[in-house]
Amino acid sequence: MKVHGVFRLFEATLLVGILLALSVTLLLAFVDIAYVIYTKIMTPPAFIVDAQGLMDLFSLILILLIGLELIETVKTYLEENVVHVELVLLVAIIAIARKVVVWDFAKHTHVELYSLAAMVVALGVSYFLVKQTALKIPIGSGKRRGEETT
């Protein structure tokens, strides 16, 4: 077995381990979300969840979505040996969206809000550019990037 093959096997083993760890973590996170929902709706007054409780739930759900996107990114890398920038940007967008959803204006300054807004814009523009570039590259045409298509 060549050295490259050994390292590829080692890398694949680590990636499978990461997938297993993420899967267990997400399963536990889901159980936690179900428990939080149960306790919030059963605490008197029953079936009433206040705004802060909803924010906490949304935050937990968005964390779960981030984990699912991370699993998708690792699976794609394992199968194709390619990191898809689009998936990485989606993870970052979801993470920033989580921050926006749970933003507490009393705890943060306006400068921090501006920096968060700058990150949202940068990620949005990056995602747009990646999507536009991907749409212009014909799949399986044999043409290299930058060549004109007819």
Protein backbone atom coordinates (compact mmCIF):
# COMPACT_ATOMS: atom_id res chain seq x y z
CA MET A 1 0.00 0.00 0.00
CA LYS A 2 1.38 3.38 -0.95
CA VAL A 3 1.92 6.17 1.57
CA HIS A 4 -0.85 8.20 -0.06
CA GLY A 5 -3.28 5.27 0.40
CA VAL A 6 -2.38 4.94 4.06
CA PHE A 7 -3.03 8.61 4.70
CA ARG A 8 -6.28 8.50 2.71
CA LEU A 9 -7.43 5.55 4.86
CA PHE A 10 -6.39 7.41 8.01
CA GLU A 11 -8.27 10.51 6.85
CA ALA A 12 -11.38 8.48 5.98
CA THR A 13 -11.28 6.80 9.40
CA LEU A 14 -11.09 10.18 11.14
CA LEU A 15 -13.95 11.53 9.03
CA VAL A 16 -16.15 8.54 9.87
CA GLY A 17 -15.32 9.11 13.54
CA ILE A 18 -16.28 12.76 13.19
CA LEU A 19 -19.56 11.74 11.54
CA LEU A 20 -20.33 9.32 14.38
CA ALA A 21 -19.49 11.90 17.05
CA LEU A 22 -21.60 14.55 15.32
CA SER A 23 -24.48 12.10 14.92
CA VAL A 24 -24.47 11.18 18.61
CA THR A 25 -24.18 14.85 19.56
CA LEU A 26 -27.10 15.80 17.32
CA LEU A 27 -29.22 12.97 18.66
CA LEU A 28 -28.58 14.20 22.20
CA ALA A 29 -29.31 17.77 21.10
CA PHE A 30 -32.62 16.62 19.63
CA VAL A 31 -33.51 14.84 22.87
CA ASP A 32 -32.62 18.05 24.73
CA ILE A 33 -34.87 20.10 22.43
CA ALA A 34 -37.76 17.68 22.97
CA TYR A 35 -37.21 17.86 26.74
CA VAL A 36 -37.07 21.67 26.72
CA ILE A 37 -40.28 21.84 24.67
CA TYR A 38 -41.98 19.41 27.03
CA THR A 39 -40.94 21.31 30.16
CA LYS A 40 -41.86 24.70 28.68
CA ILE A 41 -45.36 23.64 27.65
CA MET A 42 -46.03 21.73 30.88
CA THR A 43 -44.84 24.47 33.24
CA PRO A 44 -47.80 26.53 34.46
CA PRO A 45 -49.41 28.21 32.67
CA ALA A 46 -49.56 25.10 30.50
CA PHE A 47 -49.09 25.38 26.73
CA ILE A 48 -47.87 28.97 27.03
CA VAL A 49 -44.31 29.77 26.01
CA ASP A 50 -43.03 33.29 26.58
CA ALA A 51 -40.90 35.21 24.08
CA GLN A 52 -37.62 34.36 25.82
CA GLY A 53 -38.57 30.69 25.84
CA LEU A 54 -39.25 30.83 22.11
CA MET A 55 -35.90 32.50 21.51
CA ASP A 56 -34.17 29.76 23.49
CA LEU A 57 -35.98 27.09 21.47
CA PHE A 58 -35.13 28.74 18.15
CA SER A 59 -31.51 28.95 19.22
CA LEU A 60 -31.42 25.23 20.04
CA ILE A 61 -33.10 24.32 16.75
CA LEU A 62 -30.68 26.47 14.76
CA ILE A 63 -27.76 24.79 16.53
CA LEU A 64 -29.22 21.46 15.45
CA LEU A 65 -29.43 22.72 11.85
CA ILE A 66 -25.80 23.84 12.01
CA GLY A 67 -24.84 20.34 13.11
CA LEU A 68 -26.83 18.77 10.29
CA GLU A 69 -25.09 21.01 7.76
CA LEU A 70 -21.73 20.09 9.27
CA ILE A 71 -22.59 16.41 8.83
CA GLU A 72 -23.52 17.09 5.20
CA THR A 73 -20.21 18.90 4.66
CA VAL A 74 -18.17 16.05 6.16
CA LYS A 75 -20.15 13.42 4.18
CA THR A 76 -19.59 15.32 0.96
CA TYR A 77 -15.88 15.58 1.67
CA LEU A 78 -15.70 11.88 2.50
CA GLU A 79 -17.55 10.86 -0.69
CA GLU A 80 -16.07 13.34 -3.17
CA ASN A 81 -12.84 14.44 -1.44
CA VAL A 82 -13.92 18.02 -2.16
CA VAL A 83 -14.99 20.75 0.23
CA HIS A 84 -18.05 22.48 -1.19
CA VAL A 85 -17.73 26.16 -0.40
CA GLU A 86 -21.49 26.56 -0.72
CA LEU A 87 -22.10 24.15 2.17
CA VAL A 88 -19.50 25.85 4.35
CA LEU A 89 -21.12 29.22 3.64
CA LEU A 90 -24.54 27.77 4.53
CA VAL A 91 -23.18 26.63 7.91
CA ALA A 92 -21.80 30.13 8.51
CA ILE A 93 -25.07 31.77 7.42
CA ILE A 94 -27.08 29.56 9.76
CA ALA A 95 -24.66 30.33 12.62
CA ILE A 96 -24.99 34.07 12.03
CA ALA A 97 -28.77 33.73 11.67
CA ARG A 98 -28.81 32.03 15.06
CA LYS A 99 -26.92 34.99 16.50
CA VAL A 100 -29.40 37.40 14.93
CA VAL A 101 -32.39 35.47 16.30
CA VAL A 102 -31.08 35.44 19.87
CA TRP A 103 -29.56 38.94 19.81
CA ASP A 104 -30.01 40.73 23.12
CA PHE A 105 -29.82 44.48 22.60
CA ALA A 106 -29.36 45.07 26.32
CA LYS A 107 -26.12 43.05 26.44
CA HIS A 108 -24.41 44.23 23.25
CA THR A 109 -23.27 47.57 21.88
CA HIS A 110 -24.25 49.09 18.57
CA VAL A 111 -20.69 48.47 17.30
CA GLU A 112 -21.20 44.72 17.81
CA LEU A 113 -24.47 44.97 15.92
CA TYR A 114 -22.68 46.70 13.03
CA SER A 115 -20.09 43.94 12.93
CA LEU A 116 -22.84 41.32 12.87
CA ALA A 117 -24.53 43.21 10.03
CA ALA A 118 -21.23 43.31 8.13
CA MET A 119 -20.87 39.54 8.54
CA VAL A 120 -24.42 38.98 7.28
CA VAL A 121 -23.75 41.12 4.21
CA ALA A 122 -20.37 39.49 3.54
CA LEU A 123 -21.80 35.99 3.82
CA GLY A 124 -24.80 36.91 1.68
CA VAL A 125 -22.61 38.36 -1.06
CA SER A 126 -20.23 35.39 -0.86
CA TYR A 127 -23.09 32.91 -1.13
CA PHE A 128 -24.59 34.85 -4.05
CA LEU A 129 -21.25 34.87 -5.89
CA VAL A 130 -20.67 31.17 -5.29
CA LYS A 131 -24.17 30.34 -6.56
CA GLN A 132 -23.72 32.57 -9.62
CA THR A 133 -20.35 31.02 -10.43
CA ALA A 134 -21.70 27.50 -10.02
CA LEU A 135 -24.61 28.26 -12.34
CA LYS A 136 -22.24 29.37 -15.11
CA ILE A 137 -20.05 26.26 -15.06
CA PRO A 138 -21.51 23.50 -17.25
CA ILE A 139 -21.27 20.13 -15.55
CA GLY A 140 -19.65 17.36 -17.56
CA SER A 141 -19.03 19.50 -20.65
CA GLY A 142 -15.29 18.95 -20.56
CA LYS A 143 -14.69 22.69 -20.69
CA ARG A 144 -12.41 24.32 -18.21
CA ARG A 145 -13.48 27.16 -15.98
CA GLY A 146 -13.37 30.47 -17.83
CA GLU A 147 -14.02 29.02 -21.29
CA GLU A 148 -17.05 30.33 -23.16
CA THR A 149 -20.06 28.08 -23.62
CA THR A 150 -22.41 28.24 -26.56
